[in-house]
C-alpha atoms as a PDB file:
ATOM      1  CA  UNK A   1      10.318  13.345   0.471  1.00  0.00           C
ATOM      2  CA  UNK A   2      10.979  12.595   4.116  1.00  0.00           C
ATOM      3  CA  UNK A   3      13.306   9.815   5.174  1.00  0.00           C
ATOM      4  CA  UNK A   4      10.372   7.693   6.333  1.00  0.00           C
ATOM      5  CA  UNK A   5       8.434   8.179   3.117  1.00  0.00           C
ATOM      6  CA  UNK A   6      11.599   7.247   1.195  1.00  0.00           C
ATOM      7  CA  UNK A   7      11.829   3.993   3.183  1.00  0.00           C
ATOM      8  CA  UNK A   8       8.143   3.309   2.539  1.00  0.00           C
ATOM      9  CA  UNK A   9       8.678   3.886  -1.190  1.00  0.00           C
ATOM     10  CA  UNK A  10      11.570   1.396  -1.247  1.00  0.00           C
ATOM     11  CA  UNK A  11       9.454  -1.221   0.514  1.00  0.00           C
ATOM     12  CA  UNK A  12       6.318  -0.712  -1.584  1.00  0.00           C
ATOM     13  CA  UNK A  13       7.422  -2.724  -4.677  1.00  0.00           C
ATOM     14  CA  UNK A  14       7.831  -5.723  -2.364  1.00  0.00           C
ATOM     15  CA  UNK A  15       4.282  -5.271  -1.046  1.00  0.00           C
ATOM     16  CA  UNK A  16       5.614  -4.302   2.370  1.00  0.00           C
ATOM     17  CA  UNK A  17       4.320  -1.329   4.355  1.00  0.00           C
ATOM     18  CA  UNK A  18       5.780   0.586   7.275  1.00  0.00           C
ATOM     19  CA  UNK A  19       3.820  -0.624  10.305  1.00  0.00           C
ATOM     20  CA  UNK A  20       5.429   1.761  12.782  1.00  0.00           C
ATOM     21  CA  UNK A  21       8.624   3.294  14.098  1.00  0.00           C
ATOM     22  CA  UNK A  22      10.116   3.472  17.568  1.00  0.00           C
ATOM     23  CA  UNK A  23      13.151   4.882  19.322  1.00  0.00           C
ATOM     24  CA  UNK A  24      15.667   2.260  20.376  1.00  0.00           C
ATOM     25  CA  UNK A  25      16.765   1.809  23.974  1.00  0.00           C
ATOM     26  CA  UNK A  26      19.904   0.078  25.327  1.00  0.00           C
ATOM     27  CA  UNK A  27      17.885  -2.986  26.353  1.00  0.00           C
ATOM     28  CA  UNK A  28      16.809  -3.598  22.740  1.00  0.00           C
ATOM     29  CA  UNK A  29      20.156  -5.225  22.012  1.00  0.00           C
ATOM     30  CA  UNK A  30      21.606  -2.877  19.411  1.00  0.00           C
ATOM     31  CA  UNK A  31      24.827  -0.905  19.637  1.00  0.00           C
ATOM     32  CA  UNK A  32      24.521   2.723  20.678  1.00  0.00           C
ATOM     33  CA  UNK A  33      24.875   4.072  17.133  1.00  0.00           C
ATOM     34  CA  UNK A  34      21.462   2.652  16.189  1.00  0.00           C
ATOM     35  CA  UNK A  35      18.694   5.102  17.065  1.00  0.00           C
ATOM     36  CA  UNK A  36      15.421   3.952  15.514  1.00  0.00           C
ATOM     37  CA  UNK A  37      13.549   0.829  14.440  1.00  0.00           C
ATOM     38  CA  UNK A  38      11.206   0.676  11.436  1.00  0.00           C
ATOM     39  CA  UNK A  39       8.717  -2.221  11.450  1.00  0.00           C
ATOM     40  CA  UNK A  40       7.392  -3.792   8.231  1.00  0.00           C
ATOM     41  CA  UNK A  41       4.190  -5.742   7.605  1.00  0.00           C
ATOM     42  CA  UNK A  42       2.308  -7.006   4.547  1.00  0.00           C
ATOM     43  CA  UNK A  43       0.845  -4.291   2.349  1.00  0.00           C
ATOM     44  CA  UNK A  44      -2.665  -5.482   1.558  1.00  0.00           C
ATOM     45  CA  UNK A  45      -4.342  -6.065  -0.750  1.00  0.00           C
ATOM     46  CA  UNK A  46      -1.742  -7.598  -3.042  1.00  0.00           C
ATOM     47  CA  UNK A  47       0.848  -9.117  -0.713  1.00  0.00           C
ATOM     48  CA  UNK A  48      -0.124 -12.756  -1.194  1.00  0.00           C
ATOM     49  CA  UNK A  49      -0.158 -12.662  -5.000  1.00  0.00           C
ATOM     50  CA  UNK A  50       3.225 -10.929  -4.991  1.00  0.00           C
ATOM     51  CA  UNK A  51       4.716 -13.451  -2.594  1.00  0.00           C
ATOM     52  CA  UNK A  52       3.527 -16.434  -4.626  1.00  0.00           C
ATOM     53  CA  UNK A  53       5.390 -15.089  -7.667  1.00  0.00           C
ATOM     54  CA  UNK A  54       8.721 -15.043  -5.802  1.00  0.00           C
ATOM     55  CA  UNK A  55      11.450 -17.692  -6.195  1.00  0.00           C
ATOM     56  CA  UNK A  56      11.280 -18.700  -2.544  1.00  0.00           C
ATOM     57  CA  UNK A  57       7.650 -19.720  -2.969  1.00  0.00           C
ATOM     58  CA  UNK A  58       8.336 -21.705  -6.124  1.00  0.00           C
ATOM     59  CA  UNK A  59      11.504 -23.613  -5.187  1.00  0.00           C
ATOM     60  CA  UNK A  60       9.755 -26.165  -2.957  1.00  0.00           C
ATOM     61  CA  UNK A  61      12.029 -25.594   0.023  1.00  0.00           C
ATOM     62  CA  UNK A  62      10.745 -25.032   3.580  1.00  0.00           C
ATOM     63  CA  UNK A  63       9.844 -21.653   5.079  1.00  0.00           C
ATOM     64  CA  UNK A  64       9.299 -19.691   1.858  1.00  0.00           C
ATOM     65  CA  UNK A  65       7.793 -16.625   3.568  1.00  0.00           C
ATOM     66  CA  UNK A  66      10.603 -16.304   6.093  1.00  0.00           C
ATOM     67  CA  UNK A  67      13.278 -16.807   3.416  1.00  0.00           C
ATOM     68  CA  UNK A  68      11.649 -14.194   1.184  1.00  0.00           C
ATOM     69  CA  UNK A  69      11.347 -11.776   4.121  1.00  0.00           C
ATOM     70  CA  UNK A  70      15.010 -12.187   4.968  1.00  0.00           C
ATOM     71  CA  UNK A  71      16.157 -11.629   1.386  1.00  0.00           C
ATOM     72  CA  UNK A  72      14.028  -8.545   0.814  1.00  0.00           C
ATOM     73  CA  UNK A  73      14.447  -6.808   4.171  1.00  0.00           C
ATOM     74  CA  UNK A  74      18.178  -7.489   4.348  1.00  0.00           C
ATOM     75  CA  UNK A  75      18.507  -5.875   0.908  1.00  0.00           C
ATOM     76  CA  UNK A  76      16.536  -2.854   2.125  1.00  0.00           C
ATOM     77  CA  UNK A  77      18.798  -2.615   5.154  1.00  0.00           C
ATOM     78  CA  UNK A  78      21.952  -2.703   3.018  1.00  0.00           C
ATOM     79  CA  UNK A  79      20.609   0.043   0.768  1.00  0.00           C
ATOM     80  CA  UNK A  80      19.835   2.212   3.789  1.00  0.00           C
ATOM     81  CA  UNK A  81      22.944   1.492   5.831  1.00  0.00           C
ATOM     82  CA  UNK A  82      20.759  -0.209   8.436  1.00  0.00           C
ATOM     83  CA  UNK A  83      20.596  -3.568  10.234  1.00  0.00           C
ATOM     84  CA  UNK A  84      17.816  -6.081   9.591  1.00  0.00           C
ATOM     85  CA  UNK A  85      16.103  -8.071  12.352  1.00  0.00           C
ATOM     86  CA  UNK A  86      13.312 -10.652  12.169  1.00  0.00           C
ATOM     87  CA  UNK A  87      10.621 -12.222  14.373  1.00  0.00           C
ATOM     88  CA  UNK A  88      11.831 -15.697  13.364  1.00  0.00           C
ATOM     89  CA  UNK A  89      15.128 -17.559  13.339  1.00  0.00           C
ATOM     90  CA  UNK A  90      15.955 -17.395  17.053  1.00  0.00           C
ATOM     91  CA  UNK A  91      17.146 -17.890  19.651  1.00  0.00           C
ATOM     92  CA  UNK A  92      17.702 -15.209  20.587  1.00  0.00           C
ATOM     93  CA  UNK A  93      14.141 -14.139  19.799  1.00  0.00           C
ATOM     94  CA  UNK A  94      13.548 -10.473  19.159  1.00  0.00           C
ATOM     95  CA  UNK A  95      10.715  -8.877  21.192  1.00  0.00           C
ATOM     96  CA  UNK A  96       8.498  -7.882  18.260  1.00  0.00           C
ATOM     97  CA  UNK A  97       5.353  -7.917  20.412  1.00  0.00           C
ATOM     98  CA  UNK A  98       6.789  -5.283  22.729  1.00  0.00           C
ATOM     99  CA  UNK A  99       8.317  -3.336  19.845  1.00  0.00           C
ATOM    100  CA  UNK A 100       4.923  -3.248  18.154  1.00  0.00           C
ATOM    101  CA  UNK A 101       3.337  -1.814  21.296  1.00  0.00           C
ATOM    102  CA  UNK A 102       6.085   0.795  21.606  1.00  0.00           C
ATOM    103  CA  UNK A 103       5.532   1.914  18.026  1.00  0.00           C
ATOM    104  CA  UNK A 104       2.203   3.412  19.069  1.00  0.00           C
ATOM    105  CA  UNK A 105       0.443   1.771  16.128  1.00  0.00           C
ATOM    106  CA  UNK A 106      -0.307  -1.609  17.703  1.00  0.00           C
ATOM    107  CA  UNK A 107      -2.192  -2.293  20.908  1.00  0.00           C
ATOM    108  CA  UNK A 108      -3.342  -5.100  23.168  1.00  0.00           C
ATOM    109  CA  UNK A 109      -6.836  -5.951  21.953  1.00  0.00           C
ATOM    110  CA  UNK A 110      -9.736  -7.098  24.173  1.00  0.00           C
ATOM    111  CA  UNK A 111      -8.776 -10.689  23.282  1.00  0.00           C
ATOM    112  CA  UNK A 112      -5.144  -9.931  24.175  1.00  0.00           C
ATOM    113  CA  UNK A 113      -3.855 -10.357  20.626  1.00  0.00           C
ATOM    114  CA  UNK A 114      -2.091  -7.456  18.969  1.00  0.00           C
ATOM    115  CA  UNK A 115      -4.353  -5.168  16.985  1.00  0.00           C
ATOM    116  CA  UNK A 116      -2.871  -2.724  14.468  1.00  0.00           C
ATOM    117  CA  UNK A 117      -4.350   0.585  13.391  1.00  0.00           C
ATOM    118  CA  UNK A 118      -4.398  -0.588   9.753  1.00  0.00           C
ATOM    119  CA  UNK A 119      -4.259  -4.402   9.765  1.00  0.00           C
ATOM    120  CA  UNK A 120      -6.505  -5.000  12.746  1.00  0.00           C
ATOM    121  CA  UNK A 121      -6.178  -8.476  14.244  1.00  0.00           C
ATOM    122  CA  UNK A 122      -4.574  -9.691  10.999  1.00  0.00           C
ATOM    123  CA  UNK A 123      -1.384  -7.841  11.912  1.00  0.00           C
ATOM    124  CA  UNK A 124       1.915  -9.614  11.289  1.00  0.00           C
ATOM    125  CA  UNK A 125       5.469  -8.377  11.080  1.00  0.00           C
ATOM    126  CA  UNK A 126       7.828  -9.644   8.420  1.00  0.00           C
ATOM    127  CA  UNK A 127      10.856  -7.877   9.901  1.00  0.00           C
ATOM    128  CA  UNK A 128      12.367  -4.545  10.840  1.00  0.00           C
ATOM    129  CA  UNK A 129      15.406  -2.394  10.187  1.00  0.00           C
ATOM    130  CA  UNK A 130      17.460  -0.494  12.749  1.00  0.00           C
ATOM    131  CA  UNK A 131      18.644   2.919  11.553  1.00  0.00           C
ATOM    132  CA  UNK A 132      21.540   5.063  12.726  1.00  0.00           C
ATOM    133  CA  UNK A 133      19.302   8.111  12.820  1.00  0.00           C
ATOM    134  CA  UNK A 134      16.224   9.129  14.741  1.00  0.00           C
ATOM    135  CA  UNK A 135      12.889   9.259  12.942  1.00  0.00           C
ATOM    136  CA  UNK A 136       9.666  10.800  14.180  1.00  0.00           C
ATOM    137  CA  UNK A 137       7.154   8.534  15.847  1.00  0.00           C
ATOM    138  CA  UNK A 138       3.953   7.816  13.909  1.00  0.00           C
ATOM    139  CA  UNK A 139       1.420   6.946  16.633  1.00  0.00           C
ATOM    140  CA  UNK A 140      -2.241   6.294  15.932  1.00  0.00           C
ATOM    141  CA  UNK A 141      -5.321   6.069  18.169  1.00  0.00           C
ATOM    142  CA  UNK A 142      -6.122   2.693  19.673  1.00  0.00           C
ATOM    143  CA  UNK A 143      -8.873   1.390  17.337  1.00  0.00           C
ATOM    144  CA  UNK A 144     -10.441  -0.703  20.089  1.00  0.00           C
ATOM    145  CA  UNK A 145     -11.334   2.425  22.053  1.00  0.00           C
ATOM    146  CA  UNK A 146     -13.865   3.497  19.434  1.00  0.00           C
ATOM    147  CA  UNK A 147     -15.053  -0.044  18.615  1.00  0.00           C
ATOM    148  CA  UNK A 148     -18.291  -0.173  20.565  1.00  0.00           C
ATOM    149  CA  UNK A 149     -19.452  -3.686  19.603  1.00  0.00           C
ATOM    150  CA  UNK A 150     -16.109  -5.457  20.135  1.00  0.00           C
ATOM    151  CA  UNK A 151     -17.143  -8.483  18.034  1.00  0.00           C
ATOM    152  CA  UNK A 152     -13.807 -10.186  18.683  1.00  0.00           C
ATOM    153  CA  UNK A 153     -14.904 -11.042  22.224  1.00  0.00           C
ATOM    154  CA  UNK A 154     -17.739 -13.330  21.115  1.00  0.00           C
ATOM    155  CA  UNK A 155     -16.519 -14.532  17.715  1.00  0.00           C
ATOM    156  CA  UNK A 156     -14.802 -17.780  18.704  1.00  0.00           C
ATOM    157  CA  UNK A 157     -17.257 -20.653  18.114  1.00  0.00           C
ATOM    158  CA  UNK A 158     -16.019 -22.545  21.174  1.00  0.00           C
ATOM    159  CA  UNK A 159     -14.877 -19.681  23.383  1.00  0.00           C
ATOM    160  CA  UNK A 160     -11.226 -20.676  23.082  1.00  0.00           C
ATOM    161  CA  UNK A 161     -10.143 -17.071  22.502  1.00  0.00           C
ATOM    162  CA  UNK A 162     -11.771 -14.202  24.364  1.00  0.00           C
ATOM    163  CA  UNK A 163     -11.300 -11.738  27.160  1.00  0.00           C
ATOM    164  CA  UNK A 164     -10.047 -14.412  29.561  1.00  0.00           C
ATOM    165  CA  UNK A 165      -7.137 -15.410  27.335  1.00  0.00           C
ATOM    166  CA  UNK A 166      -6.428 -18.244  24.916  1.00  0.00           C
ATOM    167  CA  UNK A 167      -7.237 -21.924  25.434  1.00  0.00           C
ATOM    168  CA  UNK A 168      -4.870 -23.482  22.920  1.00  0.00           C
ATOM    169  CA  UNK A 169      -6.025 -27.050  23.526  1.00  0.00           C
ATOM    170  CA  UNK A 170      -9.689 -26.145  22.981  1.00  0.00           C
ATOM    171  CA  UNK A 171      -8.780 -24.337  19.763  1.00  0.00           C
ATOM    172  CA  UNK A 172      -6.906 -27.314  18.319  1.00  0.00           C
ATOM    173  CA  UNK A 173      -9.653 -29.707  19.408  1.00  0.00           C
ATOM    174  CA  UNK A 174     -12.224 -27.594  17.568  1.00  0.00           C
ATOM    175  CA  UNK A 175     -10.080 -27.466  14.432  1.00  0.00           C
ATOM    176  CA  UNK A 176      -9.935 -31.266  14.472  1.00  0.00           C
ATOM    177  CA  UNK A 177     -13.715 -31.420  14.101  1.00  0.00           C
ATOM    178  CA  UNK A 178     -15.735 -30.798  10.911  1.00  0.00           C
ATOM    179  CA  UNK A 179     -17.160 -27.611  12.454  1.00  0.00           C
ATOM    180  CA  UNK A 180     -13.646 -26.182  12.535  1.00  0.00           C
ATOM    181  CA  UNK A 181     -13.378 -26.236   8.760  1.00  0.00           C
ATOM    182  CA  UNK A 182     -14.379 -22.594   8.374  1.00  0.00           C
ATOM    183  CA  UNK A 183     -11.559 -21.406  10.617  1.00  0.00           C
ATOM    184  CA  UNK A 184      -9.089 -23.666   8.823  1.00  0.00           C
ATOM    185  CA  UNK A 185     -10.091 -22.502   5.357  1.00  0.00           C
ATOM    186  CA  UNK A 186     -10.751 -18.802   6.033  1.00  0.00           C
ATOM    187  CA  UNK A 187      -8.732 -17.976   9.140  1.00  0.00           C
ATOM    188  CA  UNK A 188      -9.443 -17.543  12.826  1.00  0.00           C
ATOM    189  CA  UNK A 189     -13.011 -16.306  13.360  1.00  0.00           C
ATOM    190  CA  UNK A 190     -11.848 -13.921  16.076  1.00  0.00           C
ATOM    191  CA  UNK A 191      -9.286 -12.265  13.837  1.00  0.00           C
ATOM    192  CA  UNK A 192     -11.843 -12.024  11.018  1.00  0.00           C
ATOM    193  CA  UNK A 193     -14.451 -10.422  13.274  1.00  0.00           C
ATOM    194  CA  UNK A 194     -12.383  -7.272  13.781  1.00  0.00           C
ATOM    195  CA  UNK A 195     -13.733  -4.448  11.547  1.00  0.00           C
ATOM    196  CA  UNK A 196     -10.194  -3.377  10.685  1.00  0.00           C
ATOM    197  CA  UNK A 197      -9.287  -6.939   9.699  1.00  0.00           C
ATOM    198  CA  UNK A 198     -12.257  -6.980   7.329  1.00  0.00           C
ATOM    199  CA  UNK A 199     -11.096  -3.749   5.681  1.00  0.00           C
ATOM    200  CA  UNK A 200      -7.449  -4.826   5.400  1.00  0.00           C
ATOM    201  CA  UNK A 201      -7.772  -6.951   2.267  1.00  0.00           C
ATOM    202  CA  UNK A 202      -6.001 -10.115   3.392  1.00  0.00           C
ATOM    203  CA  UNK A 203      -7.067 -13.086   1.261  1.00  0.00           C
ATOM    204  CA  UNK A 204      -8.631 -16.167   2.856  1.00  0.00           C
ATOM    205  CA  UNK A 205      -6.024 -18.279   1.033  1.00  0.00           C
ATOM    206  CA  UNK A 206      -3.263 -16.613   3.019  1.00  0.00           C
ATOM    207  CA  UNK A 207      -5.054 -17.208   6.303  1.00  0.00           C
ATOM    208  CA  UNK A 208      -5.668 -20.840   5.315  1.00  0.00           C
ATOM    209  CA  UNK A 209      -1.948 -21.325   4.631  1.00  0.00           C
ATOM    210  CA  UNK A 210      -1.006 -20.047   8.074  1.00  0.00           C
ATOM    211  CA  UNK A 211      -3.756 -22.067   9.744  1.00  0.00           C
ATOM    212  CA  UNK A 212      -2.411 -25.244   8.164  1.00  0.00           C
ATOM    213  CA  UNK A 213       1.021 -24.498   9.609  1.00  0.00           C
ATOM    214  CA  UNK A 214      -0.504 -23.686  12.996  1.00  0.00           C
ATOM    215  CA  UNK A 215      -2.647 -26.838  13.117  1.00  0.00           C
ATOM    216  CA  UNK A 216      -0.218 -29.490  11.953  1.00  0.00           C
END
């Protein structure tokens, strides 16, 4: 078993998957003895059901997903002699968008959102660990290159998200109207339009939860 497959096996019971690796540079903010970053995202299908069975989800306190992520990934880091970092809890805010691009498994999509070779436009990162050893890169082809139809570009019902960028005000205004109910209950239509998103196995209930937080 390689070191990376060992890390993946440790993460799997928590319904986390390795979403990429990248070599660390001085500007990433780690000391020189850290060589590599391993990024983790939800392992679908099955992540949402697993998360809802965890104590953080059941205790009624705020931010259950972030608290669960911190507990689990910090434990992984301790077991591996690594350091855990997260896309939440700043400042300072860690540059997960740029790290994702550098992993070679996430790319800027036609609608400018990150697209992942497995999760599509449903990609999210629950955290990462910095290792004191180098690991091989695991790049993948950009899935948008072979996507001829590019349904993401025309999926937004009001054109708030497309090739020209994101009109946040138009998005929220649409979600305030009855016609926005489908996006609120099933997730952003643009993210759902991606063929990789459709194959990823993320439940509509999870997307609805995040949409409620987004559109408070």
